[in-house]
Protein backbone atom coordinates (compact mmCIF):
# COMPACT_ATOMS: atom_id res chain seq x y z
CA MET A 1 0.14 -11.17 -11.54
CA GLN A 2 0.01 -7.86 -13.19
CA HIS A 3 -1.22 -8.11 -17.16
CA THR A 4 1.88 -7.29 -19.10
CA LYS A 5 2.79 -7.45 -22.91
CA THR A 6 5.77 -9.58 -22.29
CA LYS A 7 6.31 -13.10 -23.63
CA GLY A 8 8.36 -15.55 -21.82
CA GLN A 9 8.96 -19.16 -20.80
CA VAL A 10 9.42 -21.08 -17.40
CA THR A 11 10.69 -24.33 -17.13
CA VAL A 12 9.17 -26.20 -14.01
CA GLU A 13 10.59 -29.66 -12.71
CA PHE A 14 8.32 -31.83 -10.54
CA ILE A 15 7.44 -35.33 -9.55
CA ILE A 16 3.75 -36.88 -10.60
CA ASP A 17 3.14 -39.62 -7.74
CA GLU A 18 1.30 -42.63 -8.13
CA THR A 19 -1.86 -40.96 -7.63
CA GLY A 20 -1.25 -38.02 -10.11
CA ARG A 21 -0.42 -35.52 -7.43
CA VAL A 22 2.46 -33.03 -7.88
CA LEU A 23 5.34 -33.25 -5.44
CA ARG A 24 8.21 -30.96 -5.07
CA PRO A 25 7.72 -28.41 -7.96
CA ARG A 26 10.77 -26.03 -8.59
CA ILE A 27 11.73 -23.47 -11.18
CA ILE A 28 14.69 -24.70 -13.35
CA SER A 29 14.73 -21.39 -15.52
CA ALA A 30 12.69 -18.54 -16.18
CA SER A 31 13.03 -15.69 -18.82
CA HIS A 32 11.34 -13.28 -16.42
CA ARG A 33 11.00 -13.53 -12.62
CA ASP A 34 7.41 -12.37 -12.47
CA PHE A 35 6.32 -15.69 -14.53
CA GLU A 36 7.56 -18.06 -11.85
CA GLN A 37 4.63 -18.11 -9.28
CA ALA A 38 2.17 -18.32 -12.28
CA ALA A 39 3.89 -21.38 -13.76
CA LEU A 40 4.22 -23.07 -10.41
CA ASP A 41 0.48 -22.71 -9.66
CA ALA A 42 -0.50 -23.86 -13.07
CA VAL A 43 1.43 -27.00 -12.60
CA THR A 44 0.01 -27.81 -9.06
CA LYS A 45 -3.46 -26.91 -10.10
CA SER A 46 -3.64 -29.15 -12.90
CA LYS A 47 -4.57 -32.72 -13.14
CA TRP A 48 -1.93 -35.36 -14.07
CA GLN A 49 -1.68 -39.06 -14.84
CA PRO A 50 1.08 -40.86 -13.23
CA GLY A 51 3.65 -42.68 -15.56
CA ARG A 52 3.25 -46.27 -16.03
CA LYS A 53 5.51 -49.18 -15.91
CA ASN A 54 5.02 -52.86 -16.53
CA GLY A 55 1.27 -52.04 -16.01
CA LYS A 56 1.65 -50.29 -12.70
CA ASP A 57 1.55 -46.56 -12.16
CA VAL A 58 4.81 -45.01 -10.99
CA ARG A 59 6.33 -41.85 -9.70
CA THR A 60 7.47 -39.78 -12.80
CA LEU A 61 10.13 -36.91 -13.06
CA VAL A 62 8.77 -34.12 -15.41
CA ARG A 63 10.53 -31.08 -16.74
CA LEU A 64 7.85 -28.97 -18.48
CA PRO A 65 8.24 -25.71 -20.33
CA VAL A 66 5.39 -23.17 -19.64
CA ASN A 67 5.06 -20.58 -22.34
CA PHE A 68 3.43 -17.00 -21.68
CA LYS A 69 2.46 -15.04 -24.69
CA PRO A 70 0.68 -11.49 -24.59
């Protein structure tokens, strides 16, 4: 992505499976379309811990705002 002096926010929704992998990431909203791919890349390349319920790892739906600052 081209460096820009624009700030913005992208909201990404995805599932963290029982092993911590990201499944089905999708953009919910974006202040600038130029930030969408960077937000998806950041989410999918990050390490995540799965949710826990009754002491067991479970799939978890996450809605995460990703902020961009100049």
